[in-house]
PDB file of all heavy atoms in Angstrom:
ATOM      1  N   SER A   1      98.607 100.978 107.998  1.00  0.00           N
ATOM      2  CA  SER A   1      97.877 101.981 108.773  1.00  0.00           C
ATOM      3  C   SER A   1      96.541 102.312 108.127  1.00  0.00           C
ATOM      4  O   SER A   1      95.561 102.572 108.833  1.00  0.00           O
ATOM      5  CB  SER A   1      98.714 103.252 108.919  1.00  0.00           C
ATOM      6  OG  SER A   1      98.851 103.922 107.671  1.00  0.00           O
ATOM      7  N   ALA A   2      96.491 102.309 106.793  1.00  0.00           N
ATOM      8  CA  ALA A   2      95.217 102.571 106.119  1.00  0.00           C
ATOM      9  C   ALA A   2      94.202 101.490 106.473  1.00  0.00           C
ATOM     10  O   ALA A   2      93.022 101.779 106.722  1.00  0.00           O
ATOM     11  CB  ALA A   2      95.420 102.643 104.610  1.00  0.00           C
ATOM     12  N   LEU A   3      94.657 100.240 106.520  1.00  0.00           N
ATOM     13  CA  LEU A   3      93.756  99.147 106.902  1.00  0.00           C
ATOM     14  C   LEU A   3      93.279  99.323 108.343  1.00  0.00           C
ATOM     15  O   LEU A   3      92.110  99.064 108.656  1.00  0.00           O
ATOM     16  CB  LEU A   3      94.474  97.809 106.737  1.00  0.00           C
ATOM     17  CG  LEU A   3      94.971  97.466 105.322  1.00  0.00           C
ATOM     18  CD1 LEU A   3      95.729  96.153 105.329  1.00  0.00           C
ATOM     19  CD2 LEU A   3      93.810  97.413 104.343  1.00  0.00           C
ATOM     20  N   GLN A   4      94.185  99.770 109.206  1.00  0.00           N
ATOM     21  CA  GLN A   4      93.808  99.986 110.604  1.00  0.00           C
ATOM     22  C   GLN A   4      92.819 101.137 110.736  1.00  0.00           C
ATOM     23  O   GLN A   4      91.878 101.079 111.539  1.00  0.00           O
ATOM     24  CB  GLN A   4      95.055 100.271 111.442  1.00  0.00           C
ATOM     25  CG  GLN A   4      95.971  99.069 111.604  1.00  0.00           C
ATOM     26  CD  GLN A   4      95.256  97.916 112.297  1.00  0.00           C
ATOM     27  OE1 GLN A   4      94.893  96.922 111.677  1.00  0.00           O
ATOM     28  NE2 GLN A   4      95.025  98.050 113.591  1.00  0.00           N
ATOM     29  N   GLU A   5      93.004 102.187 109.958  1.00  0.00           N
ATOM     30  CA  GLU A   5      92.101 103.333 110.026  1.00  0.00           C
ATOM     31  C   GLU A   5      90.708 102.976 109.508  1.00  0.00           C
ATOM     32  O   GLU A   5      89.692 103.434 110.045  1.00  0.00           O
ATOM     33  CB  GLU A   5      92.703 104.500 109.247  1.00  0.00           C
ATOM     34  CG  GLU A   5      93.908 105.109 109.963  1.00  0.00           C
ATOM     35  CD  GLU A   5      94.715 106.066 109.104  1.00  0.00           C
ATOM     36  OE1 GLU A   5      94.365 106.242 107.914  1.00  0.00           O
ATOM     37  OE2 GLU A   5      95.699 106.632 109.606  1.00  0.00           O
ATOM     38  N   ILE A   6      90.673 102.150 108.472  1.00  0.00           N
ATOM     39  CA  ILE A   6      89.375 101.670 107.982  1.00  0.00           C
ATOM     40  C   ILE A   6      88.691 100.840 109.064  1.00  0.00           C
ATOM     41  O   ILE A   6      87.492 100.975 109.321  1.00  0.00           O
ATOM     42  CB  ILE A   6      89.555 100.848 106.693  1.00  0.00           C
ATOM     43  CG1 ILE A   6      90.058 101.746 105.561  1.00  0.00           C
ATOM     44  CG2 ILE A   6      88.242 100.181 106.285  1.00  0.00           C
ATOM     45  CD1 ILE A   6      90.478 100.997 104.316  1.00  0.00           C
ATOM     46  N   GLY A   7      89.479  99.980 109.710  1.00  0.00           N
ATOM     47  CA  GLY A   7      88.934  99.171 110.795  1.00  0.00           C
ATOM     48  C   GLY A   7      88.460 100.027 111.953  1.00  0.00           C
ATOM     49  O   GLY A   7      87.458  99.702 112.609  1.00  0.00           O
ATOM     50  N   TRP A   8      89.163 101.137 112.221  1.00  0.00           N
ATOM     51  CA  TRP A   8      88.759 102.029 113.300  1.00  0.00           C
ATOM     52  C   TRP A   8      87.386 102.626 113.010  1.00  0.00           C
ATOM     53  O   TRP A   8      86.547 102.739 113.908  1.00  0.00           O
ATOM     54  CB  TRP A   8      89.797 103.141 113.466  1.00  0.00           C
ATOM     55  CG  TRP A   8      89.566 104.015 114.666  1.00  0.00           C
ATOM     56  CD1 TRP A   8      90.117 103.872 115.906  1.00  0.00           C
ATOM     57  CD2 TRP A   8      88.701 105.161 114.739  1.00  0.00           C
ATOM     58  NE1 TRP A   8      89.653 104.862 116.750  1.00  0.00           N
ATOM     59  CE2 TRP A   8      88.777 105.672 116.063  1.00  0.00           C
ATOM     60  CE3 TRP A   8      87.876 105.800 113.833  1.00  0.00           C
ATOM     61  CZ2 TRP A   8      88.066 106.778 116.489  1.00  0.00           C
ATOM     62  CZ3 TRP A   8      87.149 106.916 114.247  1.00  0.00           C
ATOM     63  CH2 TRP A   8      87.252 107.396 115.562  1.00  0.00           C
ATOM     64  N   VAL A   9      87.153 103.018 111.759  1.00  0.00           N
ATOM     65  CA  VAL A   9      85.849 103.578 111.393  1.00  0.00           C
ATOM     66  C   VAL A   9      84.755 102.536 111.614  1.00  0.00           C
ATOM     67  O   VAL A   9      83.698 102.838 112.195  1.00  0.00           O
ATOM     68  CB  VAL A   9      85.850 104.062 109.930  1.00  0.00           C
ATOM     69  CG1 VAL A   9      84.453 104.517 109.523  1.00  0.00           C
ATOM     70  CG2 VAL A   9      86.842 105.205 109.746  1.00  0.00           C
ATOM     71  N   LYS A  10      84.988 101.308 111.177  1.00  0.00           N
ATOM     72  CA  LYS A  10      83.996 100.248 111.366  1.00  0.00           C
ATOM     73  C   LYS A  10      83.686 100.048 112.846  1.00  0.00           C
ATOM     74  O   LYS A  10      82.526  99.920 113.246  1.00  0.00           O
ATOM     75  CB  LYS A  10      84.513  98.940 110.764  1.00  0.00           C
ATOM     76  CG  LYS A  10      84.551  98.892 109.250  1.00  0.00           C
ATOM     77  CD  LYS A  10      85.015  97.514 108.799  1.00  0.00           C
ATOM     78  CE  LYS A  10      85.035  97.395 107.289  1.00  0.00           C
ATOM     79  NZ  LYS A  10      85.490  96.059 106.846  1.00  0.00           N
ATOM     80  N   GLU A  11      84.734 100.020 113.648  1.00  0.00           N
ATOM     81  CA  GLU A  11      84.555  99.761 115.079  1.00  0.00           C
ATOM     82  C   GLU A  11      83.774 100.880 115.758  1.00  0.00           C
ATOM     83  O   GLU A  11      82.893 100.638 116.588  1.00  0.00           O
ATOM     84  CB  GLU A  11      85.925  99.596 115.733  1.00  0.00           C
ATOM     85  CG  GLU A  11      85.876  99.352 117.226  1.00  0.00           C
ATOM     86  CD  GLU A  11      87.256  99.235 117.842  1.00  0.00           C
ATOM     87  OE1 GLU A  11      88.236  99.076 117.071  1.00  0.00           O
ATOM     88  OE2 GLU A  11      87.363  99.314 119.075  1.00  0.00           O
ATOM     89  N   ASN A  12      84.085 102.121 115.423  1.00  0.00           N
ATOM     90  CA  ASN A  12      83.461 103.255 116.099  1.00  0.00           C
ATOM     91  C   ASN A  12      82.119 103.650 115.515  1.00  0.00           C
ATOM     92  O   ASN A  12      81.403 104.466 116.112  1.00  0.00           O
ATOM     93  CB  ASN A  12      84.415 104.449 116.091  1.00  0.00           C
ATOM     94  CG  ASN A  12      85.534 104.302 117.093  1.00  0.00           C
ATOM     95  OD1 ASN A  12      85.423 104.717 118.241  1.00  0.00           O
ATOM     96  ND2 ASN A  12      86.626 103.686 116.659  1.00  0.00           N
ATOM     97  N   GLN A  13      81.774 103.073 114.376  1.00  0.00           N
ATOM     98  CA  GLN A  13      80.450 103.339 113.821  1.00  0.00           C
ATOM     99  C   GLN A  13      79.361 102.756 114.719  1.00  0.00           C
ATOM    100  O   GLN A  13      78.220 103.214 114.703  1.00  0.00           O
ATOM    101  CB  GLN A  13      80.340 102.772 112.407  1.00  0.00           C
ATOM    102  CG  GLN A  13      79.084 103.212 111.680  1.00  0.00           C
ATOM    103  CD  GLN A  13      79.015 102.689 110.260  1.00  0.00           C
ATOM    104  OE1 GLN A  13      79.885 101.949 109.803  1.00  0.00           O
ATOM    105  NE2 GLN A  13      77.954 103.043 109.540  1.00  0.00           N
ATOM    106  N   VAL A  14      79.735 101.775 115.523  1.00  0.00           N
ATOM    107  CA  VAL A  14      78.776 101.172 116.449  1.00  0.00           C
ATOM    108  C   VAL A  14      78.289 102.210 117.461  1.00  0.00           C
ATOM    109  O   VAL A  14      77.098 102.275 117.781  1.00  0.00           O
ATOM    110  CB  VAL A  14      79.421  99.970 117.170  1.00  0.00           C
ATOM    111  CG1 VAL A  14      78.465  99.403 118.203  1.00  0.00           C
ATOM    112  CG2 VAL A  14      79.829  98.903 116.175  1.00  0.00           C
ATOM    113  N   SER A  15      79.232 103.044 117.952  1.00  0.00           N
ATOM    114  CA  SER A  15      78.864 104.058 118.943  1.00  0.00           C
ATOM    115  C   SER A  15      78.484 105.387 118.312  1.00  0.00           C
ATOM    116  O   SER A  15      77.903 106.247 118.980  1.00  0.00           O
ATOM    117  CB  SER A  15      80.030 104.278 119.922  1.00  0.00           C
ATOM    118  OG  SER A  15      81.202 104.672 119.224  1.00  0.00           O
ATOM    119  N   CYS A  16      78.810 105.549 117.018  1.00  0.00           N
ATOM    120  CA  CYS A  16      78.481 106.796 116.314  1.00  0.00           C
ATOM    121  C   CYS A  16      78.048 106.431 114.887  1.00  0.00           C
ATOM    122  O   CYS A  16      78.870 106.420 113.975  1.00  0.00           O
ATOM    123  CB  CYS A  16      79.682 107.739 116.305  1.00  0.00           C
ATOM    124  SG  CYS A  16      79.383 109.314 115.469  1.00  0.00           S
ATOM    125  N   PRO A  17      76.780 106.122 114.670  1.00  0.00           N
ATOM    126  CA  PRO A  17      76.298 105.639 113.364  1.00  0.00           C
ATOM    127  C   PRO A  17      76.598 106.564 112.187  1.00  0.00           C
ATOM    128  O   PRO A  17      76.716 106.101 111.054  1.00  0.00           O
ATOM    129  CB  PRO A  17      74.786 105.496 113.583  1.00  0.00           C
ATOM    130  CG  PRO A  17      74.629 105.303 115.055  1.00  0.00           C
ATOM    131  CD  PRO A  17      75.702 106.142 115.682  1.00  0.00           C
ATOM    132  N   SER A  18      76.739 107.863 112.436  1.00  0.00           N
ATOM    133  CA  SER A  18      77.000 108.783 111.326  1.00  0.00           C
ATOM    134  C   SER A  18      78.426 108.651 110.795  1.00  0.00           C
ATOM    135  O   SER A  18      78.736 109.102 109.687  1.00  0.00           O
ATOM    136  CB  SER A  18      76.774 110.230 111.775  1.00  0.00           C
ATOM    137  OG  SER A  18      77.721 110.622 112.758  1.00  0.00           O
ATOM    138  N   LEU A  19      79.289 108.017 111.587  1.00  0.00           N
ATOM    139  CA  LEU A  19      80.697 107.862 111.206  1.00  0.00           C
ATOM    140  C   LEU A  19      80.818 106.673 110.250  1.00  0.00           C
ATOM    141  O   LEU A  19      80.990 105.534 110.663  1.00  0.00           O
ATOM    142  CB  LEU A  19      81.539 107.640 112.455  1.00  0.00           C
ATOM    143  CG  LEU A  19      83.056 107.698 112.326  1.00  0.00           C
ATOM    144  CD1 LEU A  19      83.520 109.062 111.880  1.00  0.00           C
ATOM    145  CD2 LEU A  19      83.699 107.347 113.666  1.00  0.00           C
ATOM    146  N   GLU A  20      80.752 106.945 108.948  1.00  0.00           N
ATOM    147  CA  GLU A  20      80.679 105.879 107.953  1.00  0.00           C
ATOM    148  C   GLU A  20      81.880 105.801 107.020  1.00  0.00           C
ATOM    149  O   GLU A  20      82.195 104.724 106.507  1.00  0.00           O
ATOM    150  CB  GLU A  20      79.440 106.061 107.063  1.00  0.00           C
ATOM    151  CG  GLU A  20      78.107 105.936 107.753  1.00  0.00           C
ATOM    152  CD  GLU A  20      76.982 106.046 106.747  1.00  0.00           C
ATOM    153  OE1 GLU A  20      76.607 105.009 106.153  1.00  0.00           O
ATOM    154  OE2 GLU A  20      76.477 107.168 106.528  1.00  0.00           O
ATOM    155  N   TYR A  21      82.567 106.913 106.784  1.00  0.00           N
ATOM    156  CA  TYR A  21      83.508 106.979 105.669  1.00  0.00           C
ATOM    157  C   TYR A  21      84.958 107.149 106.118  1.00  0.00           C
ATOM    158  O   TYR A  21      85.250 107.664 107.199  1.00  0.00           O
ATOM    159  CB  TYR A  21      83.132 108.130 104.736  1.00  0.00           C
ATOM    160  CG  TYR A  21      81.830 107.902 104.009  1.00  0.00           C
ATOM    161  CD1 TYR A  21      80.645 108.445 104.506  1.00  0.00           C
ATOM    162  CD2 TYR A  21      81.769 107.145 102.845  1.00  0.00           C
ATOM    163  CE1 TYR A  21      79.437 108.237 103.853  1.00  0.00           C
ATOM    164  CE2 TYR A  21      80.575 106.933 102.182  1.00  0.00           C
ATOM    165  CZ  TYR A  21      79.412 107.481 102.695  1.00  0.00           C
ATOM    166  OH  TYR A  21      78.219 107.268 102.047  1.00  0.00           O
ATOM    167  N   TYR A  22      85.833 106.740 105.212  1.00  0.00           N
ATOM    168  CA  TYR A  22      87.276 106.922 105.361  1.00  0.00           C
ATOM    169  C   TYR A  22      87.745 107.786 104.203  1.00  0.00           C
ATOM    170  O   TYR A  22      87.646 107.387 103.044  1.00  0.00           O
ATOM    171  CB  TYR A  22      87.974 105.560 105.356  1.00  0.00           C
ATOM    172  CG  TYR A  22      89.491 105.633 105.408  1.00  0.00           C
ATOM    173  CD1 TYR A  22      90.132 106.309 106.445  1.00  0.00           C
ATOM    174  CD2 TYR A  22      90.272 105.015 104.440  1.00  0.00           C
ATOM    175  CE1 TYR A  22      91.504 106.368 106.505  1.00  0.00           C
ATOM    176  CE2 TYR A  22      91.658 105.059 104.491  1.00  0.00           C
ATOM    177  CZ  TYR A  22      92.268 105.751 105.524  1.00  0.00           C
ATOM    178  OH  TYR A  22      93.641 105.807 105.583  1.00  0.00           O
ATOM    179  N   TYR A  23      88.228 108.999 104.510  1.00  0.00           N
ATOM    180  CA  TYR A  23      88.704 109.927 103.486  1.00  0.00           C
ATOM    181  C   TYR A  23      90.222 109.807 103.387  1.00  0.00           C
ATOM    182  O   TYR A  23      90.928 109.954 104.385  1.00  0.00           O
ATOM    183  CB  TYR A  23      88.317 111.368 103.836  1.00  0.00           C
ATOM    184  CG  TYR A  23      86.871 111.731 103.547  1.00  0.00           C
ATOM    185  CD1 TYR A  23      85.822 110.958 104.040  1.00  0.00           C
ATOM    186  CD2 TYR A  23      86.550 112.857 102.801  1.00  0.00           C
ATOM    187  CE1 TYR A  23      84.488 111.297 103.791  1.00  0.00           C
ATOM    188  CE2 TYR A  23      85.223 113.215 102.556  1.00  0.00           C
ATOM    189  CZ  TYR A  23      84.209 112.430 103.060  1.00  0.00           C
ATOM    190  OH  TYR A  23      82.884 112.766 102.817  1.00  0.00           O
ATOM    191  N   LEU A  24      90.703 109.562 102.175  1.00  0.00           N
ATOM    192  CA  LEU A  24      92.137 109.349 101.959  1.00  0.00           C
ATOM    193  C   LEU A  24      92.843 110.596 101.447  1.00  0.00           C
ATOM    194  O   LEU A  24      93.997 110.532 101.031  1.00  0.00           O
ATOM    195  CB  LEU A  24      92.365 108.207 100.971  1.00  0.00           C
ATOM    196  CG  LEU A  24      91.946 106.802 101.381  1.00  0.00           C
ATOM    197  CD1 LEU A  24      90.486 106.551 101.046  1.00  0.00           C
ATOM    198  CD2 LEU A  24      92.813 105.750 100.689  1.00  0.00           C
ATOM    199  N   GLY A  25      92.168 111.730 101.445  1.00  0.00           N
ATOM    200  CA  GLY A  25      92.806 112.945 100.954  1.00  0.00           C
ATOM    201  C   GLY A  25      92.497 113.150  99.482  1.00  0.00           C
ATOM    202  O   GLY A  25      91.367 112.963  99.025  1.00  0.00           O
ATOM    203  N   TYR A  26      93.517 113.517  98.708  1.00  0.00           N
ATOM    204  CA  TYR A  26      93.344 113.758  97.283  1.00  0.00           C
ATOM    205  C   TYR A  26      93.835 112.564  96.478  1.00  0.00           C
ATOM    206  O   TYR A  26      94.905 112.008  96.748  1.00  0.00           O
ATOM    207  CB  TYR A  26      94.120 114.998  96.844  1.00  0.00           C
ATOM    208  CG  TYR A  26      93.483 116.308  97.241  1.00  0.00           C
ATOM    209  CD1 TYR A  26      94.261 117.357  97.721  1.00  0.00           C
ATOM    210  CD2 TYR A  26      92.112 116.508  97.143  1.00  0.00           C
ATOM    211  CE1 TYR A  26      93.691 118.569  98.087  1.00  0.00           C
ATOM    212  CE2 TYR A  26      91.526 117.713  97.508  1.00  0.00           C
ATOM    213  CZ  TYR A  26      92.326 118.739  97.981  1.00  0.00           C
ATOM    214  OH  TYR A  26      91.754 119.930  98.341  1.00  0.00           O
ATOM    215  N   TYR A  27      93.042 112.215  95.478  1.00  0.00           N
ATOM    216  CA  TYR A  27      93.470 111.231  94.488  1.00  0.00           C
ATOM    217  C   TYR A  27      93.914 112.008  93.253  1.00  0.00           C
ATOM    218  O   TYR A  27      93.161 112.828  92.715  1.00  0.00           O
ATOM    219  CB  TYR A  27      92.335 110.276  94.125  1.00  0.00           C
ATOM    220  CG  TYR A  27      92.683 109.363  92.962  1.00  0.00           C
ATOM    221  CD1 TYR A  27      93.465 108.239  93.164  1.00  0.00           C
ATOM    222  CD2 TYR A  27      92.251 109.650  91.671  1.00  0.00           C
ATOM    223  CE1 TYR A  27      93.805 107.405  92.113  1.00  0.00           C
ATOM    224  CE2 TYR A  27      92.578 108.818  90.613  1.00  0.00           C
ATOM    225  CZ  TYR A  27      93.360 107.703  90.834  1.00  0.00           C
ATOM    226  OH  TYR A  27      93.697 106.895  89.782  1.00  0.00           O
ATOM    227  N   ILE A  28      95.150 111.762  92.818  1.00  0.00           N
ATOM    228  CA  ILE A  28      95.699 112.492  91.671  1.00  0.00           C
ATOM    229  C   ILE A  28      96.076 111.472  90.600  1.00  0.00           C
ATOM    230  O   ILE A  28      97.111 110.804  90.685  1.00  0.00           O
ATOM    231  CB  ILE A  28      96.914 113.330  92.088  1.00  0.00           C
ATOM    232  CG1 ILE A  28      96.518 114.268  93.231  1.00  0.00           C
ATOM    233  CG2 ILE A  28      97.448 114.140  90.903  1.00  0.00           C
ATOM    234  CD1 ILE A  28      97.656 115.069  93.803  1.00  0.00           C
ATOM    235  N   HIS A  29      95.224 111.340  89.604  1.00  0.00           N
ATOM    236  CA  HIS A  29      95.404 110.315  88.585  1.00  0.00           C
ATOM    237  C   HIS A  29      96.656 110.576  87.753  1.00  0.00           C
ATOM    238  O   HIS A  29      97.272 109.636  87.251  1.00  0.00           O
ATOM    239  CB  HIS A  29      94.174 110.272  87.678  1.00  0.00           C
ATOM    240  CG  HIS A  29      94.071 109.020  86.865  1.00  0.00           C
ATOM    241  ND1 HIS A  29      93.830 107.784  87.438  1.00  0.00           N
ATOM    242  CD2 HIS A  29      94.176 108.793  85.523  1.00  0.00           C
ATOM    243  CE1 HIS A  29      93.786 106.858  86.498  1.00  0.00           C
ATOM    244  NE2 HIS A  29      94.003 107.447  85.325  1.00  0.00           N
ATOM    245  N   SER A  30      97.030 111.839  87.604  1.00  0.00           N
ATOM    246  CA  SER A  30      98.194 112.183  86.797  1.00  0.00           C
ATOM    247  C   SER A  30      99.504 111.997  87.553  1.00  0.00           C
ATOM    248  O   SER A  30     100.581 112.171  86.980  1.00  0.00           O
ATOM    249  CB  SER A  30      98.094 113.631  86.310  1.00  0.00           C
ATOM    250  OG  SER A  30      97.959 114.523  87.405  1.00  0.00           O
ATOM    251  N   CYS A  31      99.438 111.638  88.835  1.00  0.00           N
ATOM    252  CA  CYS A  31     100.632 111.430  89.661  1.00  0.00           C
ATOM    253  C   CYS A  31     100.663 109.971  90.116  1.00  0.00           C
ATOM    254  O   CYS A  31      99.828 109.537  90.913  1.00  0.00           O
ATOM    255  CB  CYS A  31     100.613 112.366  90.868  1.00  0.00           C
ATOM    256  SG  CYS A  31     102.022 112.170  91.990  1.00  0.00           S
ATOM    257  N   ASN A  32     101.623 109.217  89.616  1.00  0.00           N
ATOM    258  CA  ASN A  32     101.674 107.781  89.916  1.00  0.00           C
ATOM    259  C   ASN A  32     101.780 107.501  91.415  1.00  0.00           C
ATOM    260  O   ASN A  32     101.227 106.513  91.913  1.00  0.00           O
ATOM    261  CB  ASN A  32     102.869 107.142  89.197  1.00  0.00           C
ATOM    262  CG  ASN A  32     102.621 106.992  87.710  1.00  0.00           C
ATOM    263  OD1 ASN A  32     101.474 106.918  87.269  1.00  0.00           O
ATOM    264  ND2 ASN A  32     103.690 106.971  86.928  1.00  0.00           N
ATOM    265  N   LYS A  33     102.472 108.373  92.144  1.00  0.00           N
ATOM    266  CA  LYS A  33     102.665 108.134  93.569  1.00  0.00           C
ATOM    267  C   LYS A  33     101.365 108.235  94.358  1.00  0.00           C
ATOM    268  O   LYS A  33     101.283 107.757  95.480  1.00  0.00           O
ATOM    269  CB  LYS A  33     103.688 109.115  94.133  1.00  0.00           C
ATOM    270  CG  LYS A  33     105.110 108.864  93.675  1.00  0.00           C
ATOM    271  CD  LYS A  33     106.077 109.804  94.367  1.00  0.00           C
ATOM    272  CE  LYS A  33     107.504 109.520  93.955  1.00  0.00           C
ATOM    273  NZ  LYS A  33     108.472 110.402  94.640  1.00  0.00           N
ATOM    274  N   MET A  34     100.364 108.901  93.798  1.00  0.00           N
ATOM    275  CA  MET A  34      99.108 109.097  94.521  1.00  0.00           C
ATOM    276  C   MET A  34      98.005 108.159  94.053  1.00  0.00           C
ATOM    277  O   MET A  34      96.891 108.209  94.564  1.00  0.00           O
ATOM    278  CB  MET A  34      98.651 110.551  94.368  1.00  0.00           C
ATOM    279  CG  MET A  34      99.670 111.578  94.835  1.00  0.00           C
ATOM    280  SD  MET A  34     100.116 111.390  96.573  1.00  0.00           S
ATOM    281  CE  MET A  34      98.655 112.020  97.362  1.00  0.00           C
ATOM    282  N   ARG A  35      98.304 107.298  93.088  1.00  0.00           N
ATOM    283  CA  ARG A  35      97.265 106.399  92.572  1.00  0.00           C
ATOM    284  C   ARG A  35      96.966 105.235  93.513  1.00  0.00           C
ATOM    285  O   ARG A  35      95.955 104.551  93.353  1.00  0.00           O
ATOM    286  CB  ARG A  35      97.683 105.841  91.205  1.00  0.00           C
ATOM    287  CG  ARG A  35      97.607 106.853  90.077  1.00  0.00           C
ATOM    288  CD  ARG A  35      97.757 106.146  88.746  1.00  0.00           C
ATOM    289  NE  ARG A  35      97.641 107.062  87.612  1.00  0.00           N
ATOM    290  CZ  ARG A  35      97.559 106.670  86.350  1.00  0.00           C
ATOM    291  NH1 ARG A  35      97.574 105.381  86.064  1.00  0.00           N
ATOM    292  NH2 ARG A  35      97.469 107.555  85.384  1.00  0.00           N
ATOM    293  N   TYR A  36      97.863 104.996  94.460  1.00  0.00           N
ATOM    294  CA  TYR A  36      97.668 103.854  95.357  1.00  0.00           C
ATOM    295  C   TYR A  36      96.343 103.931  96.114  1.00  0.00           C
ATOM    296  O   TYR A  36      95.808 102.919  96.553  1.00  0.00           O
ATOM    297  CB  TYR A  36      98.821 103.780  96.371  1.00  0.00           C
ATOM    298  CG  TYR A  36      98.768 104.848  97.435  1.00  0.00           C
ATOM    299  CD1 TYR A  36      98.042 104.652  98.609  1.00  0.00           C
ATOM    300  CD2 TYR A  36      99.414 106.064  97.261  1.00  0.00           C
ATOM    301  CE1 TYR A  36      97.973 105.632  99.578  1.00  0.00           C
ATOM    302  CE2 TYR A  36      99.348 107.049  98.226  1.00  0.00           C
ATOM    303  CZ  TYR A  36      98.636 106.827  99.378  1.00  0.00           C
ATOM    304  OH  TYR A  36      98.564 107.806 100.330  1.00  0.00           O
ATOM    305  N   LYS A  37      95.804 105.147  96.274  1.00  0.00           N
ATOM    306  CA  LYS A  37      94.611 105.311  97.095  1.00  0.00           C
ATOM    307  C   LYS A  37      93.406 104.583  96.520  1.00  0.00           C
ATOM    308  O   LYS A  37      92.513 104.168  97.259  1.00  0.00           O
ATOM    309  CB  LYS A  37      94.305 106.800  97.263  1.00  0.00           C
ATOM    310  CG  LYS A  37      95.414 107.557  97.984  1.00  0.00           C
ATOM    311  CD  LYS A  37      95.089 109.022  98.158  1.00  0.00           C
ATOM    312  CE  LYS A  37      96.242 109.743  98.856  1.00  0.00           C
ATOM    313  NZ  LYS A  37      95.945 111.168  99.099  1.00  0.00           N
TER     314      LYS A  37
END
């Protein structure tokens, strides 16, 4: 789903140039479960 959401941003940037980024929430280096981001 993360790959699809990144692809969605790329696709819709064509119609909305300001739409550039994909925010994944919080990155928590001290928590192994959240390092995947």
